[in-house]
PDB file of all heavy atoms in Angstrom:
ATOM      1  N   MET A   1      38.866  46.114  64.699  1.00  0.00           N
ATOM      2  CA  MET A   1      38.284  44.874  65.179  1.00  0.00           C
ATOM      3  C   MET A   1      38.780  44.494  66.569  1.00  0.00           C
ATOM      4  O   MET A   1      38.388  43.490  67.120  1.00  0.00           O
ATOM      5  CB  MET A   1      38.588  43.733  64.207  1.00  0.00           C
ATOM      6  CG  MET A   1      37.917  43.881  62.851  1.00  0.00           C
ATOM      7  SD  MET A   1      36.121  44.150  62.970  1.00  0.00           S
ATOM      8  CE  MET A   1      35.608  42.603  63.691  1.00  0.00           C
ATOM      9  N   GLY A   2      39.667  45.314  67.142  1.00  0.00           N
ATOM     10  CA  GLY A   2      40.136  45.040  68.488  1.00  0.00           C
ATOM     11  C   GLY A   2      41.108  43.877  68.535  1.00  0.00           C
ATOM     12  O   GLY A   2      41.567  43.374  67.506  1.00  0.00           O
ATOM     13  N   PRO A   3      41.437  43.406  69.747  1.00  0.00           N
ATOM     14  CA  PRO A   3      42.331  42.253  69.900  1.00  0.00           C
ATOM     15  C   PRO A   3      41.583  40.955  69.616  1.00  0.00           C
ATOM     16  O   PRO A   3      40.356  40.938  69.548  1.00  0.00           O
ATOM     17  CB  PRO A   3      42.742  42.331  71.372  1.00  0.00           C
ATOM     18  CG  PRO A   3      41.554  42.982  72.032  1.00  0.00           C
ATOM     19  CD  PRO A   3      41.006  43.963  71.030  1.00  0.00           C
ATOM     20  N   ASP A   4      42.333  39.886  69.434  1.00  0.00           N
ATOM     21  CA  ASP A   4      41.727  38.568  69.218  1.00  0.00           C
ATOM     22  C   ASP A   4      41.292  38.024  70.574  1.00  0.00           C
ATOM     23  O   ASP A   4      41.967  37.205  71.191  1.00  0.00           O
ATOM     24  CB  ASP A   4      42.739  37.631  68.544  1.00  0.00           C
ATOM     25  CG  ASP A   4      42.112  36.294  68.154  1.00  0.00           C
ATOM     26  OD1 ASP A   4      40.877  36.171  68.259  1.00  0.00           O
ATOM     27  OD2 ASP A   4      42.857  35.375  67.796  1.00  0.00           O
ATOM     28  N   ILE A   5      40.121  38.477  71.033  1.00  0.00           N
ATOM     29  CA  ILE A   5      39.672  38.206  72.395  1.00  0.00           C
ATOM     30  C   ILE A   5      39.493  36.716  72.657  1.00  0.00           C
ATOM     31  O   ILE A   5      39.875  36.206  73.704  1.00  0.00           O
ATOM     32  CB  ILE A   5      38.353  38.954  72.672  1.00  0.00           C
ATOM     33  CG1 ILE A   5      38.597  40.465  72.603  1.00  0.00           C
ATOM     34  CG2 ILE A   5      37.788  38.578  74.039  1.00  0.00           C
ATOM     35  CD1 ILE A   5      37.350  41.287  72.578  1.00  0.00           C
ATOM     36  N   ASN A   6      38.893  36.004  71.695  1.00  0.00           N
ATOM     37  CA  ASN A   6      38.639  34.581  71.919  1.00  0.00           C
ATOM     38  C   ASN A   6      39.783  33.688  71.443  1.00  0.00           C
ATOM     39  O   ASN A   6      39.665  32.458  71.450  1.00  0.00           O
ATOM     40  CB  ASN A   6      37.331  34.151  71.246  1.00  0.00           C
ATOM     41  CG  ASN A   6      37.345  34.409  69.750  1.00  0.00           C
ATOM     42  OD1 ASN A   6      38.278  35.022  69.215  1.00  0.00           O
ATOM     43  ND2 ASN A   6      36.312  33.938  69.063  1.00  0.00           N
ATOM     44  N   ALA A   7      40.894  34.290  71.022  1.00  0.00           N
ATOM     45  CA  ALA A   7      42.116  33.552  70.660  1.00  0.00           C
ATOM     46  C   ALA A   7      41.862  32.443  69.635  1.00  0.00           C
ATOM     47  O   ALA A   7      42.443  31.364  69.701  1.00  0.00           O
ATOM     48  CB  ALA A   7      42.756  32.961  71.914  1.00  0.00           C
ATOM     49  N   ASP A   8      40.999  32.738  68.644  1.00  0.00           N
ATOM     50  CA  ASP A   8      40.738  31.736  67.606  1.00  0.00           C
ATOM     51  C   ASP A   8      41.530  32.014  66.332  1.00  0.00           C
ATOM     52  O   ASP A   8      41.368  31.315  65.326  1.00  0.00           O
ATOM     53  CB  ASP A   8      39.243  31.675  67.284  1.00  0.00           C
ATOM     54  CG  ASP A   8      38.707  32.998  66.725  1.00  0.00           C
ATOM     55  OD1 ASP A   8      39.468  33.998  66.702  1.00  0.00           O
ATOM     56  OD2 ASP A   8      37.530  33.033  66.323  1.00  0.00           O
ATOM     57  N   GLY A   9      42.385  33.026  66.347  1.00  0.00           N
ATOM     58  CA  GLY A   9      43.205  33.352  65.183  1.00  0.00           C
ATOM     59  C   GLY A   9      42.472  34.141  64.121  1.00  0.00           C
ATOM     60  O   GLY A   9      43.027  34.427  63.057  1.00  0.00           O
ATOM     61  N   ILE A  10      41.209  34.514  64.401  1.00  0.00           N
ATOM     62  CA  ILE A  10      40.397  35.238  63.427  1.00  0.00           C
ATOM     63  C   ILE A  10      39.834  36.499  64.078  1.00  0.00           C
ATOM     64  O   ILE A  10      39.273  36.440  65.170  1.00  0.00           O
ATOM     65  CB  ILE A  10      39.228  34.376  62.901  1.00  0.00           C
ATOM     66  CG1 ILE A  10      39.763  33.080  62.285  1.00  0.00           C
ATOM     67  CG2 ILE A  10      38.386  35.141  61.900  1.00  0.00           C
ATOM     68  CD1 ILE A  10      38.674  32.096  61.929  1.00  0.00           C
ATOM     69  N   LEU A  11      39.976  37.632  63.421  1.00  0.00           N
ATOM     70  CA  LEU A  11      39.363  38.862  63.901  1.00  0.00           C
ATOM     71  C   LEU A  11      37.987  38.997  63.263  1.00  0.00           C
ATOM     72  O   LEU A  11      37.848  39.222  62.069  1.00  0.00           O
ATOM     73  CB  LEU A  11      40.240  40.073  63.547  1.00  0.00           C
ATOM     74  CG  LEU A  11      41.571  40.183  64.300  1.00  0.00           C
ATOM     75  CD1 LEU A  11      42.355  41.385  63.802  1.00  0.00           C
ATOM     76  CD2 LEU A  11      41.346  40.286  65.797  1.00  0.00           C
ATOM     77  N   ASP A  12      36.955  38.803  64.062  1.00  0.00           N
ATOM     78  CA  ASP A  12      35.585  38.877  63.554  1.00  0.00           C
ATOM     79  C   ASP A  12      34.759  39.741  64.503  1.00  0.00           C
ATOM     80  O   ASP A  12      35.296  40.462  65.339  1.00  0.00           O
ATOM     81  CB  ASP A  12      34.988  37.475  63.387  1.00  0.00           C
ATOM     82  CG  ASP A  12      35.175  36.618  64.644  1.00  0.00           C
ATOM     83  OD1 ASP A  12      35.320  37.206  65.742  1.00  0.00           O
ATOM     84  OD2 ASP A  12      35.178  35.387  64.530  1.00  0.00           O
ATOM     85  N   GLU A  13      33.418  39.662  64.384  1.00  0.00           N
ATOM     86  CA  GLU A  13      32.562  40.535  65.179  1.00  0.00           C
ATOM     87  C   GLU A  13      32.688  40.276  66.686  1.00  0.00           C
ATOM     88  O   GLU A  13      32.387  41.145  67.500  1.00  0.00           O
ATOM     89  CB  GLU A  13      31.103  40.390  64.749  1.00  0.00           C
ATOM     90  CG  GLU A  13      30.519  39.004  64.966  1.00  0.00           C
ATOM     91  CD  GLU A  13      29.069  38.924  64.542  1.00  0.00           C
ATOM     92  OE1 GLU A  13      28.557  39.903  63.981  1.00  0.00           O
ATOM     93  OE2 GLU A  13      28.467  37.866  64.770  1.00  0.00           O
ATOM     94  N   VAL A  14      33.124  39.074  67.047  1.00  0.00           N
ATOM     95  CA  VAL A  14      33.349  38.775  68.459  1.00  0.00           C
ATOM     96  C   VAL A  14      34.453  39.665  69.024  1.00  0.00           C
ATOM     97  O   VAL A  14      34.451  40.025  70.202  1.00  0.00           O
ATOM     98  CB  VAL A  14      33.698  37.285  68.642  1.00  0.00           C
ATOM     99  CG1 VAL A  14      34.044  36.976  70.093  1.00  0.00           C
ATOM    100  CG2 VAL A  14      32.546  36.409  68.183  1.00  0.00           C
ATOM    101  N   ASP A  15      35.427  40.024  68.163  1.00  0.00           N
ATOM    102  CA  ASP A  15      36.573  40.825  68.580  1.00  0.00           C
ATOM    103  C   ASP A  15      36.390  42.318  68.259  1.00  0.00           C
ATOM    104  O   ASP A  15      37.350  43.069  68.231  1.00  0.00           O
ATOM    105  CB  ASP A  15      37.840  40.311  67.882  1.00  0.00           C
ATOM    106  CG  ASP A  15      38.006  38.807  68.021  1.00  0.00           C
ATOM    107  OD1 ASP A  15      38.009  38.335  69.163  1.00  0.00           O
ATOM    108  OD2 ASP A  15      38.116  38.112  66.999  1.00  0.00           O
ATOM    109  N   GLU A  16      35.158  42.727  68.041  1.00  0.00           N
ATOM    110  CA  GLU A  16      34.873  44.102  67.636  1.00  0.00           C
ATOM    111  C   GLU A  16      35.305  45.103  68.712  1.00  0.00           C
ATOM    112  O   GLU A  16      35.093  44.900  69.913  1.00  0.00           O
ATOM    113  CB  GLU A  16      33.368  44.254  67.380  1.00  0.00           C
ATOM    114  CG  GLU A  16      32.957  45.643  66.944  1.00  0.00           C
ATOM    115  CD  GLU A  16      31.455  45.759  66.753  1.00  0.00           C
ATOM    116  OE1 GLU A  16      30.754  44.741  66.953  1.00  0.00           O
ATOM    117  OE2 GLU A  16      30.988  46.848  66.413  1.00  0.00           O
ATOM    118  N   ASN A  17      35.932  46.186  68.266  1.00  0.00           N
ATOM    119  CA  ASN A  17      36.344  47.266  69.154  1.00  0.00           C
ATOM    120  C   ASN A  17      35.123  48.162  69.398  1.00  0.00           C
ATOM    121  O   ASN A  17      34.703  48.905  68.520  1.00  0.00           O
ATOM    122  CB  ASN A  17      37.487  48.056  68.506  1.00  0.00           C
ATOM    123  CG  ASN A  17      38.248  48.888  69.512  1.00  0.00           C
ATOM    124  OD1 ASN A  17      37.868  48.994  70.663  1.00  0.00           O
ATOM    125  ND2 ASN A  17      39.337  49.496  69.067  1.00  0.00           N
ATOM    126  N   VAL A  18      34.541  48.075  70.587  1.00  0.00           N
ATOM    127  CA  VAL A  18      33.278  48.757  70.879  1.00  0.00           C
ATOM    128  C   VAL A  18      33.559  50.142  71.454  1.00  0.00           C
ATOM    129  O   VAL A  18      34.020  50.277  72.588  1.00  0.00           O
ATOM    130  CB  VAL A  18      32.428  47.940  71.866  1.00  0.00           C
ATOM    131  CG1 VAL A  18      31.118  48.656  72.145  1.00  0.00           C
ATOM    132  CG2 VAL A  18      32.164  46.551  71.301  1.00  0.00           C
ATOM    133  N   ALA A  19      33.280  51.179  70.677  1.00  0.00           N
ATOM    134  CA  ALA A  19      33.539  52.562  71.094  1.00  0.00           C
ATOM    135  C   ALA A  19      32.322  53.144  71.809  1.00  0.00           C
ATOM    136  O   ALA A  19      31.204  52.655  71.669  1.00  0.00           O
ATOM    137  CB  ALA A  19      33.877  53.405  69.867  1.00  0.00           C
ATOM    138  N   PRO A  20      32.523  54.222  72.580  1.00  0.00           N
ATOM    139  CA  PRO A  20      31.374  54.923  73.168  1.00  0.00           C
ATOM    140  C   PRO A  20      30.395  55.353  72.074  1.00  0.00           C
ATOM    141  O   PRO A  20      30.805  55.811  71.004  1.00  0.00           O
ATOM    142  CB  PRO A  20      32.021  56.141  73.846  1.00  0.00           C
ATOM    143  CG  PRO A  20      33.422  55.718  74.138  1.00  0.00           C
ATOM    144  CD  PRO A  20      33.802  54.829  72.990  1.00  0.00           C
ATOM    145  N   GLY A  21      29.108  55.200  72.347  1.00  0.00           N
ATOM    146  CA  GLY A  21      28.085  55.587  71.375  1.00  0.00           C
ATOM    147  C   GLY A  21      27.591  54.447  70.508  1.00  0.00           C
ATOM    148  O   GLY A  21      26.578  54.596  69.817  1.00  0.00           O
ATOM    149  N   ILE A  22      28.284  53.298  70.532  1.00  0.00           N
ATOM    150  CA  ILE A  22      27.815  52.141  69.758  1.00  0.00           C
ATOM    151  C   ILE A  22      26.495  51.647  70.342  1.00  0.00           C
ATOM    152  O   ILE A  22      26.369  51.460  71.554  1.00  0.00           O
ATOM    153  CB  ILE A  22      28.862  51.005  69.769  1.00  0.00           C
ATOM    154  CG1 ILE A  22      30.123  51.431  69.019  1.00  0.00           C
ATOM    155  CG2 ILE A  22      28.281  49.720  69.189  1.00  0.00           C
ATOM    156  CD1 ILE A  22      29.920  51.600  67.530  1.00  0.00           C
ATOM    157  N   ILE A  23      25.514  51.436  69.479  1.00  0.00           N
ATOM    158  CA  ILE A  23      24.183  51.031  69.919  1.00  0.00           C
ATOM    159  C   ILE A  23      24.084  49.507  69.964  1.00  0.00           C
ATOM    160  O   ILE A  23      24.576  48.807  69.076  1.00  0.00           O
ATOM    161  CB  ILE A  23      23.093  51.588  68.983  1.00  0.00           C
ATOM    162  CG1 ILE A  23      23.217  53.121  68.888  1.00  0.00           C
ATOM    163  CG2 ILE A  23      21.713  51.190  69.470  1.00  0.00           C
ATOM    164  CD1 ILE A  23      23.054  53.825  70.206  1.00  0.00           C
ATOM    165  N   TYR A  24      23.435  49.005  71.021  1.00  0.00           N
ATOM    166  CA  TYR A  24      23.231  47.557  71.163  1.00  0.00           C
ATOM    167  C   TYR A  24      21.761  47.290  71.440  1.00  0.00           C
ATOM    168  O   TYR A  24      21.164  47.908  72.324  1.00  0.00           O
ATOM    169  CB  TYR A  24      24.097  47.017  72.306  1.00  0.00           C
ATOM    170  CG  TYR A  24      23.804  45.579  72.661  1.00  0.00           C
ATOM    171  CD1 TYR A  24      23.999  44.557  71.739  1.00  0.00           C
ATOM    172  CD2 TYR A  24      23.337  45.239  73.931  1.00  0.00           C
ATOM    173  CE1 TYR A  24      23.729  43.235  72.059  1.00  0.00           C
ATOM    174  CE2 TYR A  24      23.065  43.930  74.256  1.00  0.00           C
ATOM    175  CZ  TYR A  24      23.269  42.924  73.328  1.00  0.00           C
ATOM    176  OH  TYR A  24      22.992  41.611  73.641  1.00  0.00           O
TER     177      TYR A  24
END
């Protein structure tokens, strides 16, 4: 889930670790 990017204390989709090949 990556680091807590938005510093809300919750690891959710906002903090997703986006690897090469992930489709958007």
